[in-house]
């Protein structure tokens, strides 16, 4: 067992390096980086002025100014050397500063971490708490009315993209029927609430986003549980256990269920990777300032330190999953 965990930990390193190395190299070659954006912003600002000095300033920068600007944003060195320096800073806990906001990337990610973590953990708990019993019930009622009706419902939910579900939920339950808030993670007077009011406010704001977060995973997890349980219930070892005097119910719970839950538990890492990193579309629609939305805005703004900082967390989870 110890050797297994040691091997997994050692495999995380090359997987993590491979993921971050590719993305880091891409940020050095795609157009529209922070240097180009800074030049464009300077030229656009000067175009709004009418003085002769401003017209002179709007001319292209000379080589010295371009070199200084590239050095300021860390683009003055070959990307392999820059990657080694970035990795060294990462080992010291320094993720750099945002090129747009000039705030420490680590603090920006940490400030949004609790929101994404709350949604991620709640999503995983709900999926496993609902889908496992539902999958068991469907396996025991295979081809019955309950199985057929629930299959239609969960596959309709699976066919709809999560952002479409989010828009539908907002239109019905936030605008047409104002039962839930249209966005945000807290109410404005959240800090003035007592403990129980805060819990109620969290549930109230999380209800619609949680449905959109989890609806796509319900079909996969439910049907996976059902098919695994049916396969194990039809196995020879269950028939042998029943032939030796065990009841079918006893054999199902003590043998078939235990063997069926193992693949479900093994897929937990995949769910954590998705929900922990956040869904930027859901966060965008519901105006939730989580890690997913932070990473999306960083890509749009070419804020590469934030992109790489968000990637560090996701890459570690992916490396642990596939190592």
C-alpha atoms as a PDB file:
ATOM      1  CA  UNK A   1       0.000   0.000   0.000  1.00  0.00           C
ATOM      2  CA  UNK A   2       2.810   2.415   0.849  1.00  0.00           C
ATOM      3  CA  UNK A   3       4.556   1.654  -2.447  1.00  0.00           C
ATOM      4  CA  UNK A   4       1.319   2.389  -4.302  1.00  0.00           C
ATOM      5  CA  UNK A   5       0.994   5.857  -2.821  1.00  0.00           C
ATOM      6  CA  UNK A   6       4.706   6.559  -3.332  1.00  0.00           C
ATOM      7  CA  UNK A   7       4.404   5.639  -7.023  1.00  0.00           C
ATOM      8  CA  UNK A   8       1.365   7.861  -7.428  1.00  0.00           C
ATOM      9  CA  UNK A   9       3.093  10.780  -5.764  1.00  0.00           C
ATOM     10  CA  UNK A  10       6.138  10.348  -7.996  1.00  0.00           C
ATOM     11  CA  UNK A  11       3.978  10.187 -11.134  1.00  0.00           C
ATOM     12  CA  UNK A  12       2.281  13.448 -10.181  1.00  0.00           C
ATOM     13  CA  UNK A  13       5.508  15.362 -10.820  1.00  0.00           C
ATOM     14  CA  UNK A  14       5.983  14.587 -14.557  1.00  0.00           C
ATOM     15  CA  UNK A  15       2.244  14.888 -15.202  1.00  0.00           C
ATOM     16  CA  UNK A  16       2.111  18.280 -13.517  1.00  0.00           C
ATOM     17  CA  UNK A  17       5.241  19.487 -15.306  1.00  0.00           C
ATOM     18  CA  UNK A  18       3.885  18.337 -18.666  1.00  0.00           C
ATOM     19  CA  UNK A  19       0.557  20.141 -18.229  1.00  0.00           C
ATOM     20  CA  UNK A  20       2.020  23.402 -16.985  1.00  0.00           C
ATOM     21  CA  UNK A  21       4.885  23.357 -19.487  1.00  0.00           C
ATOM     22  CA  UNK A  22       2.553  23.119 -22.488  1.00  0.00           C
ATOM     23  CA  UNK A  23       0.233  25.864 -21.250  1.00  0.00           C
ATOM     24  CA  UNK A  24       3.168  28.103 -20.298  1.00  0.00           C
ATOM     25  CA  UNK A  25       4.633  27.711 -23.784  1.00  0.00           C
ATOM     26  CA  UNK A  26       1.264  28.534 -25.370  1.00  0.00           C
ATOM     27  CA  UNK A  27       1.026  31.775 -23.382  1.00  0.00           C
ATOM     28  CA  UNK A  28       4.357  32.860 -24.864  1.00  0.00           C
ATOM     29  CA  UNK A  29       3.335  32.365 -28.492  1.00  0.00           C
ATOM     30  CA  UNK A  30      -0.335  33.337 -28.769  1.00  0.00           C
ATOM     31  CA  UNK A  31      -0.957  36.914 -29.904  1.00  0.00           C
ATOM     32  CA  UNK A  32      -2.628  39.548 -27.782  1.00  0.00           C
ATOM     33  CA  UNK A  33      -0.528  39.087 -24.657  1.00  0.00           C
ATOM     34  CA  UNK A  34      -0.078  41.644 -21.877  1.00  0.00           C
ATOM     35  CA  UNK A  35       2.633  43.520 -23.790  1.00  0.00           C
ATOM     36  CA  UNK A  36       0.435  43.987 -26.849  1.00  0.00           C
ATOM     37  CA  UNK A  37      -2.532  44.917 -24.665  1.00  0.00           C
ATOM     38  CA  UNK A  38      -0.467  47.537 -22.811  1.00  0.00           C
ATOM     39  CA  UNK A  39       0.644  49.078 -26.111  1.00  0.00           C
ATOM     40  CA  UNK A  40      -2.915  49.133 -27.456  1.00  0.00           C
ATOM     41  CA  UNK A  41      -4.261  50.708 -24.266  1.00  0.00           C
ATOM     42  CA  UNK A  42      -1.559  53.403 -24.417  1.00  0.00           C
ATOM     43  CA  UNK A  43      -2.321  54.194 -28.050  1.00  0.00           C
ATOM     44  CA  UNK A  44      -6.089  54.253 -27.480  1.00  0.00           C
ATOM     45  CA  UNK A  45      -5.664  56.559 -24.499  1.00  0.00           C
ATOM     46  CA  UNK A  46      -3.548  58.948 -26.521  1.00  0.00           C
ATOM     47  CA  UNK A  47      -5.992  58.949 -29.435  1.00  0.00           C
ATOM     48  CA  UNK A  48      -8.576  60.555 -27.169  1.00  0.00           C
ATOM     49  CA  UNK A  49      -6.319  63.590 -26.645  1.00  0.00           C
ATOM     50  CA  UNK A  50      -5.896  66.478 -29.075  1.00  0.00           C
ATOM     51  CA  UNK A  51      -2.530  67.937 -28.092  1.00  0.00           C
ATOM     52  CA  UNK A  52       0.564  67.694 -30.255  1.00  0.00           C
ATOM     53  CA  UNK A  53       2.443  65.966 -27.468  1.00  0.00           C
ATOM     54  CA  UNK A  54      -0.172  63.262 -27.277  1.00  0.00           C
ATOM     55  CA  UNK A  55       0.063  62.705 -31.029  1.00  0.00           C
ATOM     56  CA  UNK A  56       3.782  62.261 -30.663  1.00  0.00           C
ATOM     57  CA  UNK A  57       3.256  59.813 -27.755  1.00  0.00           C
ATOM     58  CA  UNK A  58       0.856  57.770 -29.867  1.00  0.00           C
ATOM     59  CA  UNK A  59       3.685  56.813 -32.203  1.00  0.00           C
ATOM     60  CA  UNK A  60       5.014  53.226 -31.911  1.00  0.00           C
ATOM     61  CA  UNK A  61       7.375  52.628 -29.021  1.00  0.00           C
ATOM     62  CA  UNK A  62      11.075  52.430 -29.673  1.00  0.00           C
ATOM     63  CA  UNK A  63      13.100  49.302 -29.068  1.00  0.00           C
ATOM     64  CA  UNK A  64      14.251  50.349 -25.586  1.00  0.00           C
ATOM     65  CA  UNK A  65      10.696  51.040 -24.428  1.00  0.00           C
ATOM     66  CA  UNK A  66       9.508  47.738 -25.923  1.00  0.00           C
ATOM     67  CA  UNK A  67      12.311  45.874 -24.147  1.00  0.00           C
ATOM     68  CA  UNK A  68      11.476  47.560 -20.850  1.00  0.00           C
ATOM     69  CA  UNK A  69       7.816  46.680 -21.265  1.00  0.00           C
ATOM     70  CA  UNK A  70       8.649  43.054 -22.091  1.00  0.00           C
ATOM     71  CA  UNK A  71      10.922  42.854 -19.039  1.00  0.00           C
ATOM     72  CA  UNK A  72       8.194  44.299 -16.835  1.00  0.00           C
ATOM     73  CA  UNK A  73       5.775  41.528 -17.850  1.00  0.00           C
ATOM     74  CA  UNK A  74       8.451  38.813 -17.842  1.00  0.00           C
ATOM     75  CA  UNK A  75       8.589  38.310 -21.616  1.00  0.00           C
ATOM     76  CA  UNK A  76      12.238  39.311 -22.020  1.00  0.00           C
ATOM     77  CA  UNK A  77      13.643  35.769 -21.704  1.00  0.00           C
ATOM     78  CA  UNK A  78      13.242  32.562 -23.736  1.00  0.00           C
ATOM     79  CA  UNK A  79      10.202  30.645 -22.566  1.00  0.00           C
ATOM     80  CA  UNK A  80      12.129  27.578 -21.224  1.00  0.00           C
ATOM     81  CA  UNK A  81      14.168  29.828 -18.944  1.00  0.00           C
ATOM     82  CA  UNK A  82      11.060  31.785 -17.981  1.00  0.00           C
ATOM     83  CA  UNK A  83       9.278  28.520 -17.152  1.00  0.00           C
ATOM     84  CA  UNK A  84      12.108  27.410 -14.861  1.00  0.00           C
ATOM     85  CA  UNK A  85      11.953  30.748 -13.055  1.00  0.00           C
ATOM     86  CA  UNK A  86       8.155  30.504 -12.778  1.00  0.00           C
ATOM     87  CA  UNK A  87       8.440  26.961 -11.388  1.00  0.00           C
ATOM     88  CA  UNK A  88      11.040  28.126  -8.878  1.00  0.00           C
ATOM     89  CA  UNK A  89       8.760  30.909  -7.697  1.00  0.00           C
ATOM     90  CA  UNK A  90       5.916  28.404  -7.485  1.00  0.00           C
ATOM     91  CA  UNK A  91       7.932  26.205  -5.134  1.00  0.00           C
ATOM     92  CA  UNK A  92       8.333  29.250  -2.896  1.00  0.00           C
ATOM     93  CA  UNK A  93       4.577  29.865  -2.978  1.00  0.00           C
ATOM     94  CA  UNK A  94       4.811  32.865  -5.290  1.00  0.00           C
ATOM     95  CA  UNK A  95       2.351  32.781  -8.201  1.00  0.00           C
ATOM     96  CA  UNK A  96       3.211  36.275  -9.362  1.00  0.00           C
ATOM     97  CA  UNK A  97       0.969  39.299  -9.787  1.00  0.00           C
ATOM     98  CA  UNK A  98      -1.968  39.894 -12.056  1.00  0.00           C
ATOM     99  CA  UNK A  99      -0.978  41.888 -15.118  1.00  0.00           C
ATOM    100  CA  UNK A 100      -4.372  43.613 -15.135  1.00  0.00           C
ATOM    101  CA  UNK A 101      -5.110  44.229 -11.451  1.00  0.00           C
ATOM    102  CA  UNK A 102      -1.529  44.078 -10.085  1.00  0.00           C
ATOM    103  CA  UNK A 103      -2.789  41.998  -7.156  1.00  0.00           C
ATOM    104  CA  UNK A 104      -1.017  38.838  -5.936  1.00  0.00           C
ATOM    105  CA  UNK A 105      -2.416  35.871  -7.837  1.00  0.00           C
ATOM    106  CA  UNK A 106      -2.321  33.658  -4.761  1.00  0.00           C
ATOM    107  CA  UNK A 107      -4.517  36.044  -2.802  1.00  0.00           C
ATOM    108  CA  UNK A 108      -6.967  36.376  -5.701  1.00  0.00           C
ATOM    109  CA  UNK A 109      -7.343  32.603  -5.971  1.00  0.00           C
ATOM    110  CA  UNK A 110      -7.604  32.107  -2.208  1.00  0.00           C
ATOM    111  CA  UNK A 111     -10.333  34.750  -1.959  1.00  0.00           C
ATOM    112  CA  UNK A 112     -12.476  32.787  -4.433  1.00  0.00           C
ATOM    113  CA  UNK A 113     -11.469  29.340  -3.224  1.00  0.00           C
ATOM    114  CA  UNK A 114     -14.153  28.957  -0.501  1.00  0.00           C
ATOM    115  CA  UNK A 115     -16.985  29.641  -2.973  1.00  0.00           C
ATOM    116  CA  UNK A 116     -15.810  27.066  -5.521  1.00  0.00           C
ATOM    117  CA  UNK A 117     -14.992  24.606  -2.758  1.00  0.00           C
ATOM    118  CA  UNK A 118     -18.467  24.984  -1.283  1.00  0.00           C
ATOM    119  CA  UNK A 119     -20.157  24.375  -4.621  1.00  0.00           C
ATOM    120  CA  UNK A 120     -17.800  21.536  -5.504  1.00  0.00           C
ATOM    121  CA  UNK A 121     -18.183  19.581  -2.270  1.00  0.00           C
ATOM    122  CA  UNK A 122     -21.942  20.126  -2.151  1.00  0.00           C
ATOM    123  CA  UNK A 123     -22.283  18.949  -5.760  1.00  0.00           C
ATOM    124  CA  UNK A 124     -20.329  15.764  -5.145  1.00  0.00           C
ATOM    125  CA  UNK A 125     -22.262  14.988  -1.956  1.00  0.00           C
ATOM    126  CA  UNK A 126     -25.608  15.526  -3.681  1.00  0.00           C
ATOM    127  CA  UNK A 127     -24.680  13.424  -6.694  1.00  0.00           C
ATOM    128  CA  UNK A 128     -23.554  10.461  -4.623  1.00  0.00           C
ATOM    129  CA  UNK A 129     -26.341  10.784  -2.053  1.00  0.00           C
ATOM    130  CA  UNK A 130     -29.049  10.817  -4.731  1.00  0.00           C
ATOM    131  CA  UNK A 131     -27.640   8.781  -7.610  1.00  0.00           C
ATOM    132  CA  UNK A 132     -26.493   5.728  -5.653  1.00  0.00           C
ATOM    133  CA  UNK A 133     -29.891   5.041  -4.021  1.00  0.00           C
ATOM    134  CA  UNK A 134     -31.625   5.907  -7.302  1.00  0.00           C
ATOM    135  CA  UNK A 135     -29.384   3.524  -9.238  1.00  0.00           C
ATOM    136  CA  UNK A 136     -30.080   0.742  -6.718  1.00  0.00           C
ATOM    137  CA  UNK A 137     -33.819   1.342  -6.957  1.00  0.00           C
ATOM    138  CA  UNK A 138     -33.704   1.290 -10.752  1.00  0.00           C
ATOM    139  CA  UNK A 139     -31.731  -1.962 -10.751  1.00  0.00           C
ATOM    140  CA  UNK A 140     -34.244  -3.636  -8.440  1.00  0.00           C
ATOM    141  CA  UNK A 141     -37.176  -2.283 -10.500  1.00  0.00           C
ATOM    142  CA  UNK A 142     -35.569  -2.918 -13.884  1.00  0.00           C
ATOM    143  CA  UNK A 143     -37.989  -2.362 -16.793  1.00  0.00           C
ATOM    144  CA  UNK A 144     -40.723  -1.362 -14.387  1.00  0.00           C
ATOM    145  CA  UNK A 145     -42.688   1.880 -14.423  1.00  0.00           C
ATOM    146  CA  UNK A 146     -40.319   3.537 -11.936  1.00  0.00           C
ATOM    147  CA  UNK A 147     -37.266   2.593 -14.003  1.00  0.00           C
ATOM    148  CA  UNK A 148     -38.769   3.831 -17.271  1.00  0.00           C
ATOM    149  CA  UNK A 149     -40.039   7.150 -15.918  1.00  0.00           C
ATOM    150  CA  UNK A 150     -36.822   8.030 -14.083  1.00  0.00           C
ATOM    151  CA  UNK A 151     -34.740   7.054 -17.124  1.00  0.00           C
ATOM    152  CA  UNK A 152     -36.658   9.530 -19.277  1.00  0.00           C
ATOM    153  CA  UNK A 153     -36.209  12.298 -16.717  1.00  0.00           C
ATOM    154  CA  UNK A 154     -32.493  11.827 -16.136  1.00  0.00           C
ATOM    155  CA  UNK A 155     -31.660  11.453 -19.833  1.00  0.00           C
ATOM    156  CA  UNK A 156     -33.569  14.620 -20.686  1.00  0.00           C
ATOM    157  CA  UNK A 157     -31.497  16.388 -18.046  1.00  0.00           C
ATOM    158  CA  UNK A 158     -28.331  14.814 -19.431  1.00  0.00           C
ATOM    159  CA  UNK A 159     -29.148  15.948 -22.977  1.00  0.00           C
ATOM    160  CA  UNK A 160     -29.497  19.591 -21.919  1.00  0.00           C
ATOM    161  CA  UNK A 161     -26.218  21.515 -21.476  1.00  0.00           C
ATOM    162  CA  UNK A 162     -25.754  22.851 -17.966  1.00  0.00           C
ATOM    163  CA  UNK A 163     -25.745  26.488 -19.095  1.00  0.00           C
ATOM    164  CA  UNK A 164     -29.073  25.968 -20.896  1.00  0.00           C
ATOM    165  CA  UNK A 165     -30.515  24.503 -17.706  1.00  0.00           C
ATOM    166  CA  UNK A 166     -29.157  27.508 -15.798  1.00  0.00           C
ATOM    167  CA  UNK A 167     -30.837  29.956 -18.188  1.00  0.00           C
ATOM    168  CA  UNK A 168     -34.158  28.064 -17.997  1.00  0.00           C
ATOM    169  CA  UNK A 169     -34.039  27.974 -14.203  1.00  0.00           C
ATOM    170  CA  UNK A 170     -33.279  31.691 -14.035  1.00  0.00           C
ATOM    171  CA  UNK A 171     -36.107  32.561 -16.389  1.00  0.00           C
ATOM    172  CA  UNK A 172     -38.691  30.487 -14.522  1.00  0.00           C
ATOM    173  CA  UNK A 173     -37.704  30.681 -10.865  1.00  0.00           C
ATOM    174  CA  UNK A 174     -35.883  34.033 -10.692  1.00  0.00           C
ATOM    175  CA  UNK A 175     -37.658  36.276 -13.202  1.00  0.00           C
ATOM    176  CA  UNK A 176     -41.116  34.800 -13.889  1.00  0.00           C
ATOM    177  CA  UNK A 177     -41.527  33.403 -10.372  1.00  0.00           C
ATOM    178  CA  UNK A 178     -39.211  35.444  -8.134  1.00  0.00           C
ATOM    179  CA  UNK A 179     -38.653  32.620  -5.676  1.00  0.00           C
ATOM    180  CA  UNK A 180     -34.852  32.614  -5.879  1.00  0.00           C
ATOM    181  CA  UNK A 181     -32.213  35.301  -6.449  1.00  0.00           C
ATOM    182  CA  UNK A 182     -31.004  35.899  -9.986  1.00  0.00           C
ATOM    183  CA  UNK A 183     -27.342  35.746  -9.033  1.00  0.00           C
ATOM    184  CA  UNK A 184     -24.661  36.155  -6.428  1.00  0.00           C
ATOM    185  CA  UNK A 185     -23.569  33.884  -3.620  1.00  0.00           C
ATOM    186  CA  UNK A 186     -24.823  35.971  -0.684  1.00  0.00           C
ATOM    187  CA  UNK A 187     -27.379  38.608   0.158  1.00  0.00           C
ATOM    188  CA  UNK A 188     -26.251  42.187   0.740  1.00  0.00           C
ATOM    189  CA  UNK A 189     -27.000  42.007   4.470  1.00  0.00           C
ATOM    190  CA  UNK A 190     -25.292  38.630   4.870  1.00  0.00           C
ATOM    191  CA  UNK A 191     -22.827  39.839   7.491  1.00  0.00           C
ATOM    192  CA  UNK A 192     -25.680  41.118   9.678  1.00  0.00           C
ATOM    193  CA  UNK A 193     -27.434  37.725   9.776  1.00  0.00           C
ATOM    194  CA  UNK A 194     -27.208  35.191  12.561  1.00  0.00           C
ATOM    195  CA  UNK A 195     -25.892  31.659  12.057  1.00  0.00           C
ATOM    196  CA  UNK A 196     -29.179  30.054  10.985  1.00  0.00           C
ATOM    197  CA  UNK A 197     -30.082  32.950   8.712  1.00  0.00           C
ATOM    198  CA  UNK A 198     -26.726  32.613   6.980  1.00  0.00           C
ATOM    199  CA  UNK A 199     -27.346  28.910   6.372  1.00  0.00           C
ATOM    200  CA  UNK A 200     -30.777  29.672   4.915  1.00  0.00           C
ATOM    201  CA  UNK A 201     -29.309  32.419   2.753  1.00  0.00           C
ATOM    202  CA  UNK A 202     -26.591  30.080   1.442  1.00  0.00           C
ATOM    203  CA  UNK A 203     -29.158  27.424   0.537  1.00  0.00           C
ATOM    204  CA  UNK A 204     -31.390  30.039  -1.098  1.00  0.00           C
ATOM    205  CA  UNK A 205     -28.569  31.330  -3.319  1.00  0.00           C
ATOM    206  CA  UNK A 206     -27.095  27.896  -4.041  1.00  0.00           C
ATOM    207  CA  UNK A 207     -30.318  26.122  -5.013  1.00  0.00           C
ATOM    208  CA  UNK A 208     -30.532  27.040  -8.706  1.00  0.00           C
ATOM    209  CA  UNK A 209     -26.772  26.923  -9.424  1.00  0.00           C
ATOM    210  CA  UNK A 210     -26.519  23.526  -7.745  1.00  0.00           C
ATOM    211  CA  UNK A 211     -29.202  22.076 -10.031  1.00  0.00           C
ATOM    212  CA  UNK A 212     -27.341  23.390 -13.070  1.00  0.00           C
ATOM    213  CA  UNK A 213     -24.016  22.141 -11.680  1.00  0.00           C
ATOM    214  CA  UNK A 214     -25.143  18.577 -11.016  1.00  0.00           C
ATOM    215  CA  UNK A 215     -27.839  17.744 -13.550  1.00  0.00           C
ATOM    216  CA  UNK A 216     -25.391  16.547 -16.192  1.00  0.00           C
ATOM    217  CA  UNK A 217     -23.713  14.068 -13.832  1.00  0.00           C
ATOM    218  CA  UNK A 218     -26.942  12.528 -12.544  1.00  0.00           C
ATOM    219  CA  UNK A 219     -27.527  10.347 -15.600  1.00  0.00           C
ATOM    220  CA  UNK A 220     -23.961   9.031 -15.799  1.00  0.00           C
ATOM    221  CA  UNK A 221     -23.628   8.173 -12.111  1.00  0.00           C
ATOM    222  CA  UNK A 222     -27.157   6.740 -11.784  1.00  0.00           C
ATOM    223  CA  UNK A 223     -26.915   4.487 -14.833  1.00  0.00           C
ATOM    224  CA  UNK A 224     -23.382   3.440 -13.898  1.00  0.00           C
ATOM    225  CA  UNK A 225     -24.602   2.368 -10.479  1.00  0.00           C
ATOM    226  CA  UNK A 226     -27.604   0.554 -11.938  1.00  0.00           C
ATOM    227  CA  UNK A 227     -25.617  -1.346 -14.567  1.00  0.00           C
ATOM    228  CA  UNK A 228     -22.871  -2.320 -12.118  1.00  0.00           C
ATOM    229  CA  UNK A 229     -25.389  -3.630  -9.605  1.00  0.00           C
ATOM    230  CA  UNK A 230     -27.352  -5.575 -12.216  1.00  0.00           C
ATOM    231  CA  UNK A 231     -24.151  -7.129 -13.538  1.00  0.00           C
ATOM    232  CA  UNK A 232     -23.084  -8.200 -10.066  1.00  0.00           C
ATOM    233  CA  UNK A 233     -26.545  -9.490  -9.140  1.00  0.00           C
ATOM    234  CA  UNK A 234     -26.426 -11.753 -12.204  1.00  0.00           C
ATOM    235  CA  UNK A 235     -22.925 -13.033 -11.375  1.00  0.00           C
ATOM    236  CA  UNK A 236     -22.325 -16.630 -10.362  1.00  0.00           C
ATOM    237  CA  UNK A 237     -21.077 -15.782  -6.881  1.00  0.00           C
ATOM    238  CA  UNK A 238     -24.478 -14.260  -6.012  1.00  0.00           C
ATOM    239  CA  UNK A 239     -26.255 -17.402  -7.247  1.00  0.00           C
ATOM    240  CA  UNK A 240     -23.833 -19.493  -5.200  1.00  0.00           C
ATOM    241  CA  UNK A 241     -24.470 -17.424  -2.080  1.00  0.00           C
ATOM    242  CA  UNK A 242     -28.242 -17.814  -2.519  1.00  0.00           C
ATOM    243  CA  UNK A 243     -27.857 -21.553  -3.142  1.00  0.00           C
ATOM    244  CA  UNK A 244     -25.941 -21.861   0.138  1.00  0.00           C
ATOM    245  CA  UNK A 245     -28.843 -20.436   2.107  1.00  0.00           C
ATOM    246  CA  UNK A 246     -28.412 -16.650   2.016  1.00  0.00           C
ATOM    247  CA  UNK A 247     -31.424 -14.603   1.069  1.00  0.00           C
ATOM    248  CA  UNK A 248     -31.217 -12.653  -2.159  1.00  0.00           C
ATOM    249  CA  UNK A 249     -31.481  -9.376  -0.236  1.00  0.00           C
ATOM    250  CA  UNK A 250     -28.619 -10.366   2.037  1.00  0.00           C
ATOM    251  CA  UNK A 251     -26.431 -11.452  -0.895  1.00  0.00           C
ATOM    252  CA  UNK A 252     -27.238  -8.284  -2.790  1.00  0.00           C
ATOM    253  CA  UNK A 253     -26.289  -5.900   0.020  1.00  0.00           C
ATOM    254  CA  UNK A 254     -23.270  -7.759   1.383  1.00  0.00           C
ATOM    255  CA  UNK A 255     -21.720  -8.802  -1.918  1.00  0.00           C
ATOM    256  CA  UNK A 256     -23.212  -7.260  -5.063  1.00  0.00           C
ATOM    257  CA  UNK A 257     -23.589  -3.757  -3.635  1.00  0.00           C
ATOM    258  CA  UNK A 258     -20.062  -3.664  -2.228  1.00  0.00           C
ATOM    259  CA  UNK A 259     -18.537  -4.731  -5.533  1.00  0.00           C
ATOM    260  CA  UNK A 260     -20.733  -2.300  -7.468  1.00  0.00           C
ATOM    261  CA  UNK A 261     -19.800   0.728  -5.392  1.00  0.00           C
ATOM    262  CA  UNK A 262     -16.045   0.347  -6.001  1.00  0.00           C
ATOM    263  CA  UNK A 263     -16.057   1.753  -9.592  1.00  0.00           C
ATOM    264  CA  UNK A 264     -18.365   4.565  -8.441  1.00  0.00           C
ATOM    265  CA  UNK A 265     -15.966   5.527  -5.674  1.00  0.00           C
ATOM    266  CA  UNK A 266     -13.052   5.363  -8.120  1.00  0.00           C
ATOM    267  CA  UNK A 267     -14.734   8.029 -10.251  1.00  0.00           C
ATOM    268  CA  UNK A 268     -14.831  10.472  -7.355  1.00  0.00           C
ATOM    269  CA  UNK A 269     -11.577  12.052  -8.499  1.00  0.00           C
ATOM    270  CA  UNK A 270     -13.080  13.007 -11.840  1.00  0.00           C
ATOM    271  CA  UNK A 271     -16.038  14.742 -10.230  1.00  0.00           C
ATOM    272  CA  UNK A 272     -13.817  16.605  -7.803  1.00  0.00           C
ATOM    273  CA  UNK A 273     -11.640  17.795 -10.691  1.00  0.00           C
ATOM    274  CA  UNK A 274     -14.649  19.230 -12.536  1.00  0.00           C
ATOM    275  CA  UNK A 275     -16.476  20.824  -9.628  1.00  0.00           C
ATOM    276  CA  UNK A 276     -13.421  21.935  -7.698  1.00  0.00           C
ATOM    277  CA  UNK A 277     -12.094  23.926 -10.611  1.00  0.00           C
ATOM    278  CA  UNK A 278     -15.528  25.399 -11.179  1.00  0.00           C
ATOM    279  CA  UNK A 279     -17.800  25.820 -14.174  1.00  0.00           C
ATOM    280  CA  UNK A 280     -17.189  29.260 -15.606  1.00  0.00           C
ATOM    281  CA  UNK A 281     -20.446  29.266 -17.594  1.00  0.00           C
ATOM    282  CA  UNK A 282     -22.547  28.562 -14.502  1.00  0.00           C
ATOM    283  CA  UNK A 283     -20.578  31.103 -12.476  1.00  0.00           C
ATOM    284  CA  UNK A 284     -20.935  33.645 -15.287  1.00  0.00           C
ATOM    285  CA  UNK A 285     -24.701  33.165 -15.584  1.00  0.00           C
ATOM    286  CA  UNK A 286     -25.302  33.327 -11.834  1.00  0.00           C
ATOM    287  CA  UNK A 287     -22.613  35.980 -11.230  1.00  0.00           C
ATOM    288  CA  UNK A 288     -20.700  33.801  -8.777  1.00  0.00           C
ATOM    289  CA  UNK A 289     -17.119  34.938  -8.250  1.00  0.00           C
ATOM    290  CA  UNK A 290     -15.553  31.502  -8.116  1.00  0.00           C
ATOM    291  CA  UNK A 291     -12.309  30.122  -9.507  1.00  0.00           C
ATOM    292  CA  UNK A 292     -13.946  29.120 -12.795  1.00  0.00           C
ATOM    293  CA  UNK A 293     -15.080  32.666 -13.558  1.00  0.00           C
ATOM    294  CA  UNK A 294     -11.720  34.057 -12.433  1.00  0.00           C
ATOM    295  CA  UNK A 295      -9.891  31.772 -14.867  1.00  0.00           C
ATOM    296  CA  UNK A 296     -12.292  32.588 -17.706  1.00  0.00           C
ATOM    297  CA  UNK A 297     -11.859  36.335 -17.268  1.00  0.00           C
ATOM    298  CA  UNK A 298      -8.093  35.878 -17.055  1.00  0.00           C
ATOM    299  CA  UNK A 299      -8.076  34.085 -20.423  1.00  0.00           C
ATOM    300  CA  UNK A 300     -10.190  36.817 -22.020  1.00  0.00           C
ATOM    301  CA  UNK A 301      -7.932  39.540 -20.568  1.00  0.00           C
ATOM    302  CA  UNK A 302      -4.732  37.599 -21.360  1.00  0.00           C
ATOM    303  CA  UNK A 303      -3.876  37.784 -17.660  1.00  0.00           C
ATOM    304  CA  UNK A 304      -1.431  34.896 -17.833  1.00  0.00           C
ATOM    305  CA  UNK A 305      -0.268  34.847 -14.181  1.00  0.00           C
ATOM    306  CA  UNK A 306      -3.870  34.172 -13.117  1.00  0.00           C
ATOM    307  CA  UNK A 307      -4.293  31.606 -15.900  1.00  0.00           C
ATOM    308  CA  UNK A 308      -1.207  29.741 -14.731  1.00  0.00           C
ATOM    309  CA  UNK A 309      -2.154  30.104 -11.072  1.00  0.00           C
ATOM    310  CA  UNK A 310      -5.586  28.584 -11.709  1.00  0.00           C
ATOM    311  CA  UNK A 311      -3.939  25.888 -13.792  1.00  0.00           C
ATOM    312  CA  UNK A 312      -1.706  24.860 -10.893  1.00  0.00           C
ATOM    313  CA  UNK A 313      -4.693  23.750  -8.827  1.00  0.00           C
ATOM    314  CA  UNK A 314      -6.425  21.981 -11.712  1.00  0.00           C
ATOM    315  CA  UNK A 315      -3.210  20.337 -12.899  1.00  0.00           C
ATOM    316  CA  UNK A 316      -2.520  18.899  -9.466  1.00  0.00           C
ATOM    317  CA  UNK A 317      -5.987  17.330  -9.375  1.00  0.00           C
ATOM    318  CA  UNK A 318      -5.654  15.956 -12.911  1.00  0.00           C
ATOM    319  CA  UNK A 319      -2.174  14.636 -12.159  1.00  0.00           C
ATOM    320  CA  UNK A 320      -3.447  12.835  -9.046  1.00  0.00           C
ATOM    321  CA  UNK A 321      -6.407  11.410 -10.997  1.00  0.00           C
ATOM    322  CA  UNK A 322      -4.406   9.968 -13.901  1.00  0.00           C
ATOM    323  CA  UNK A 323      -1.167   9.104 -12.155  1.00  0.00           C
END
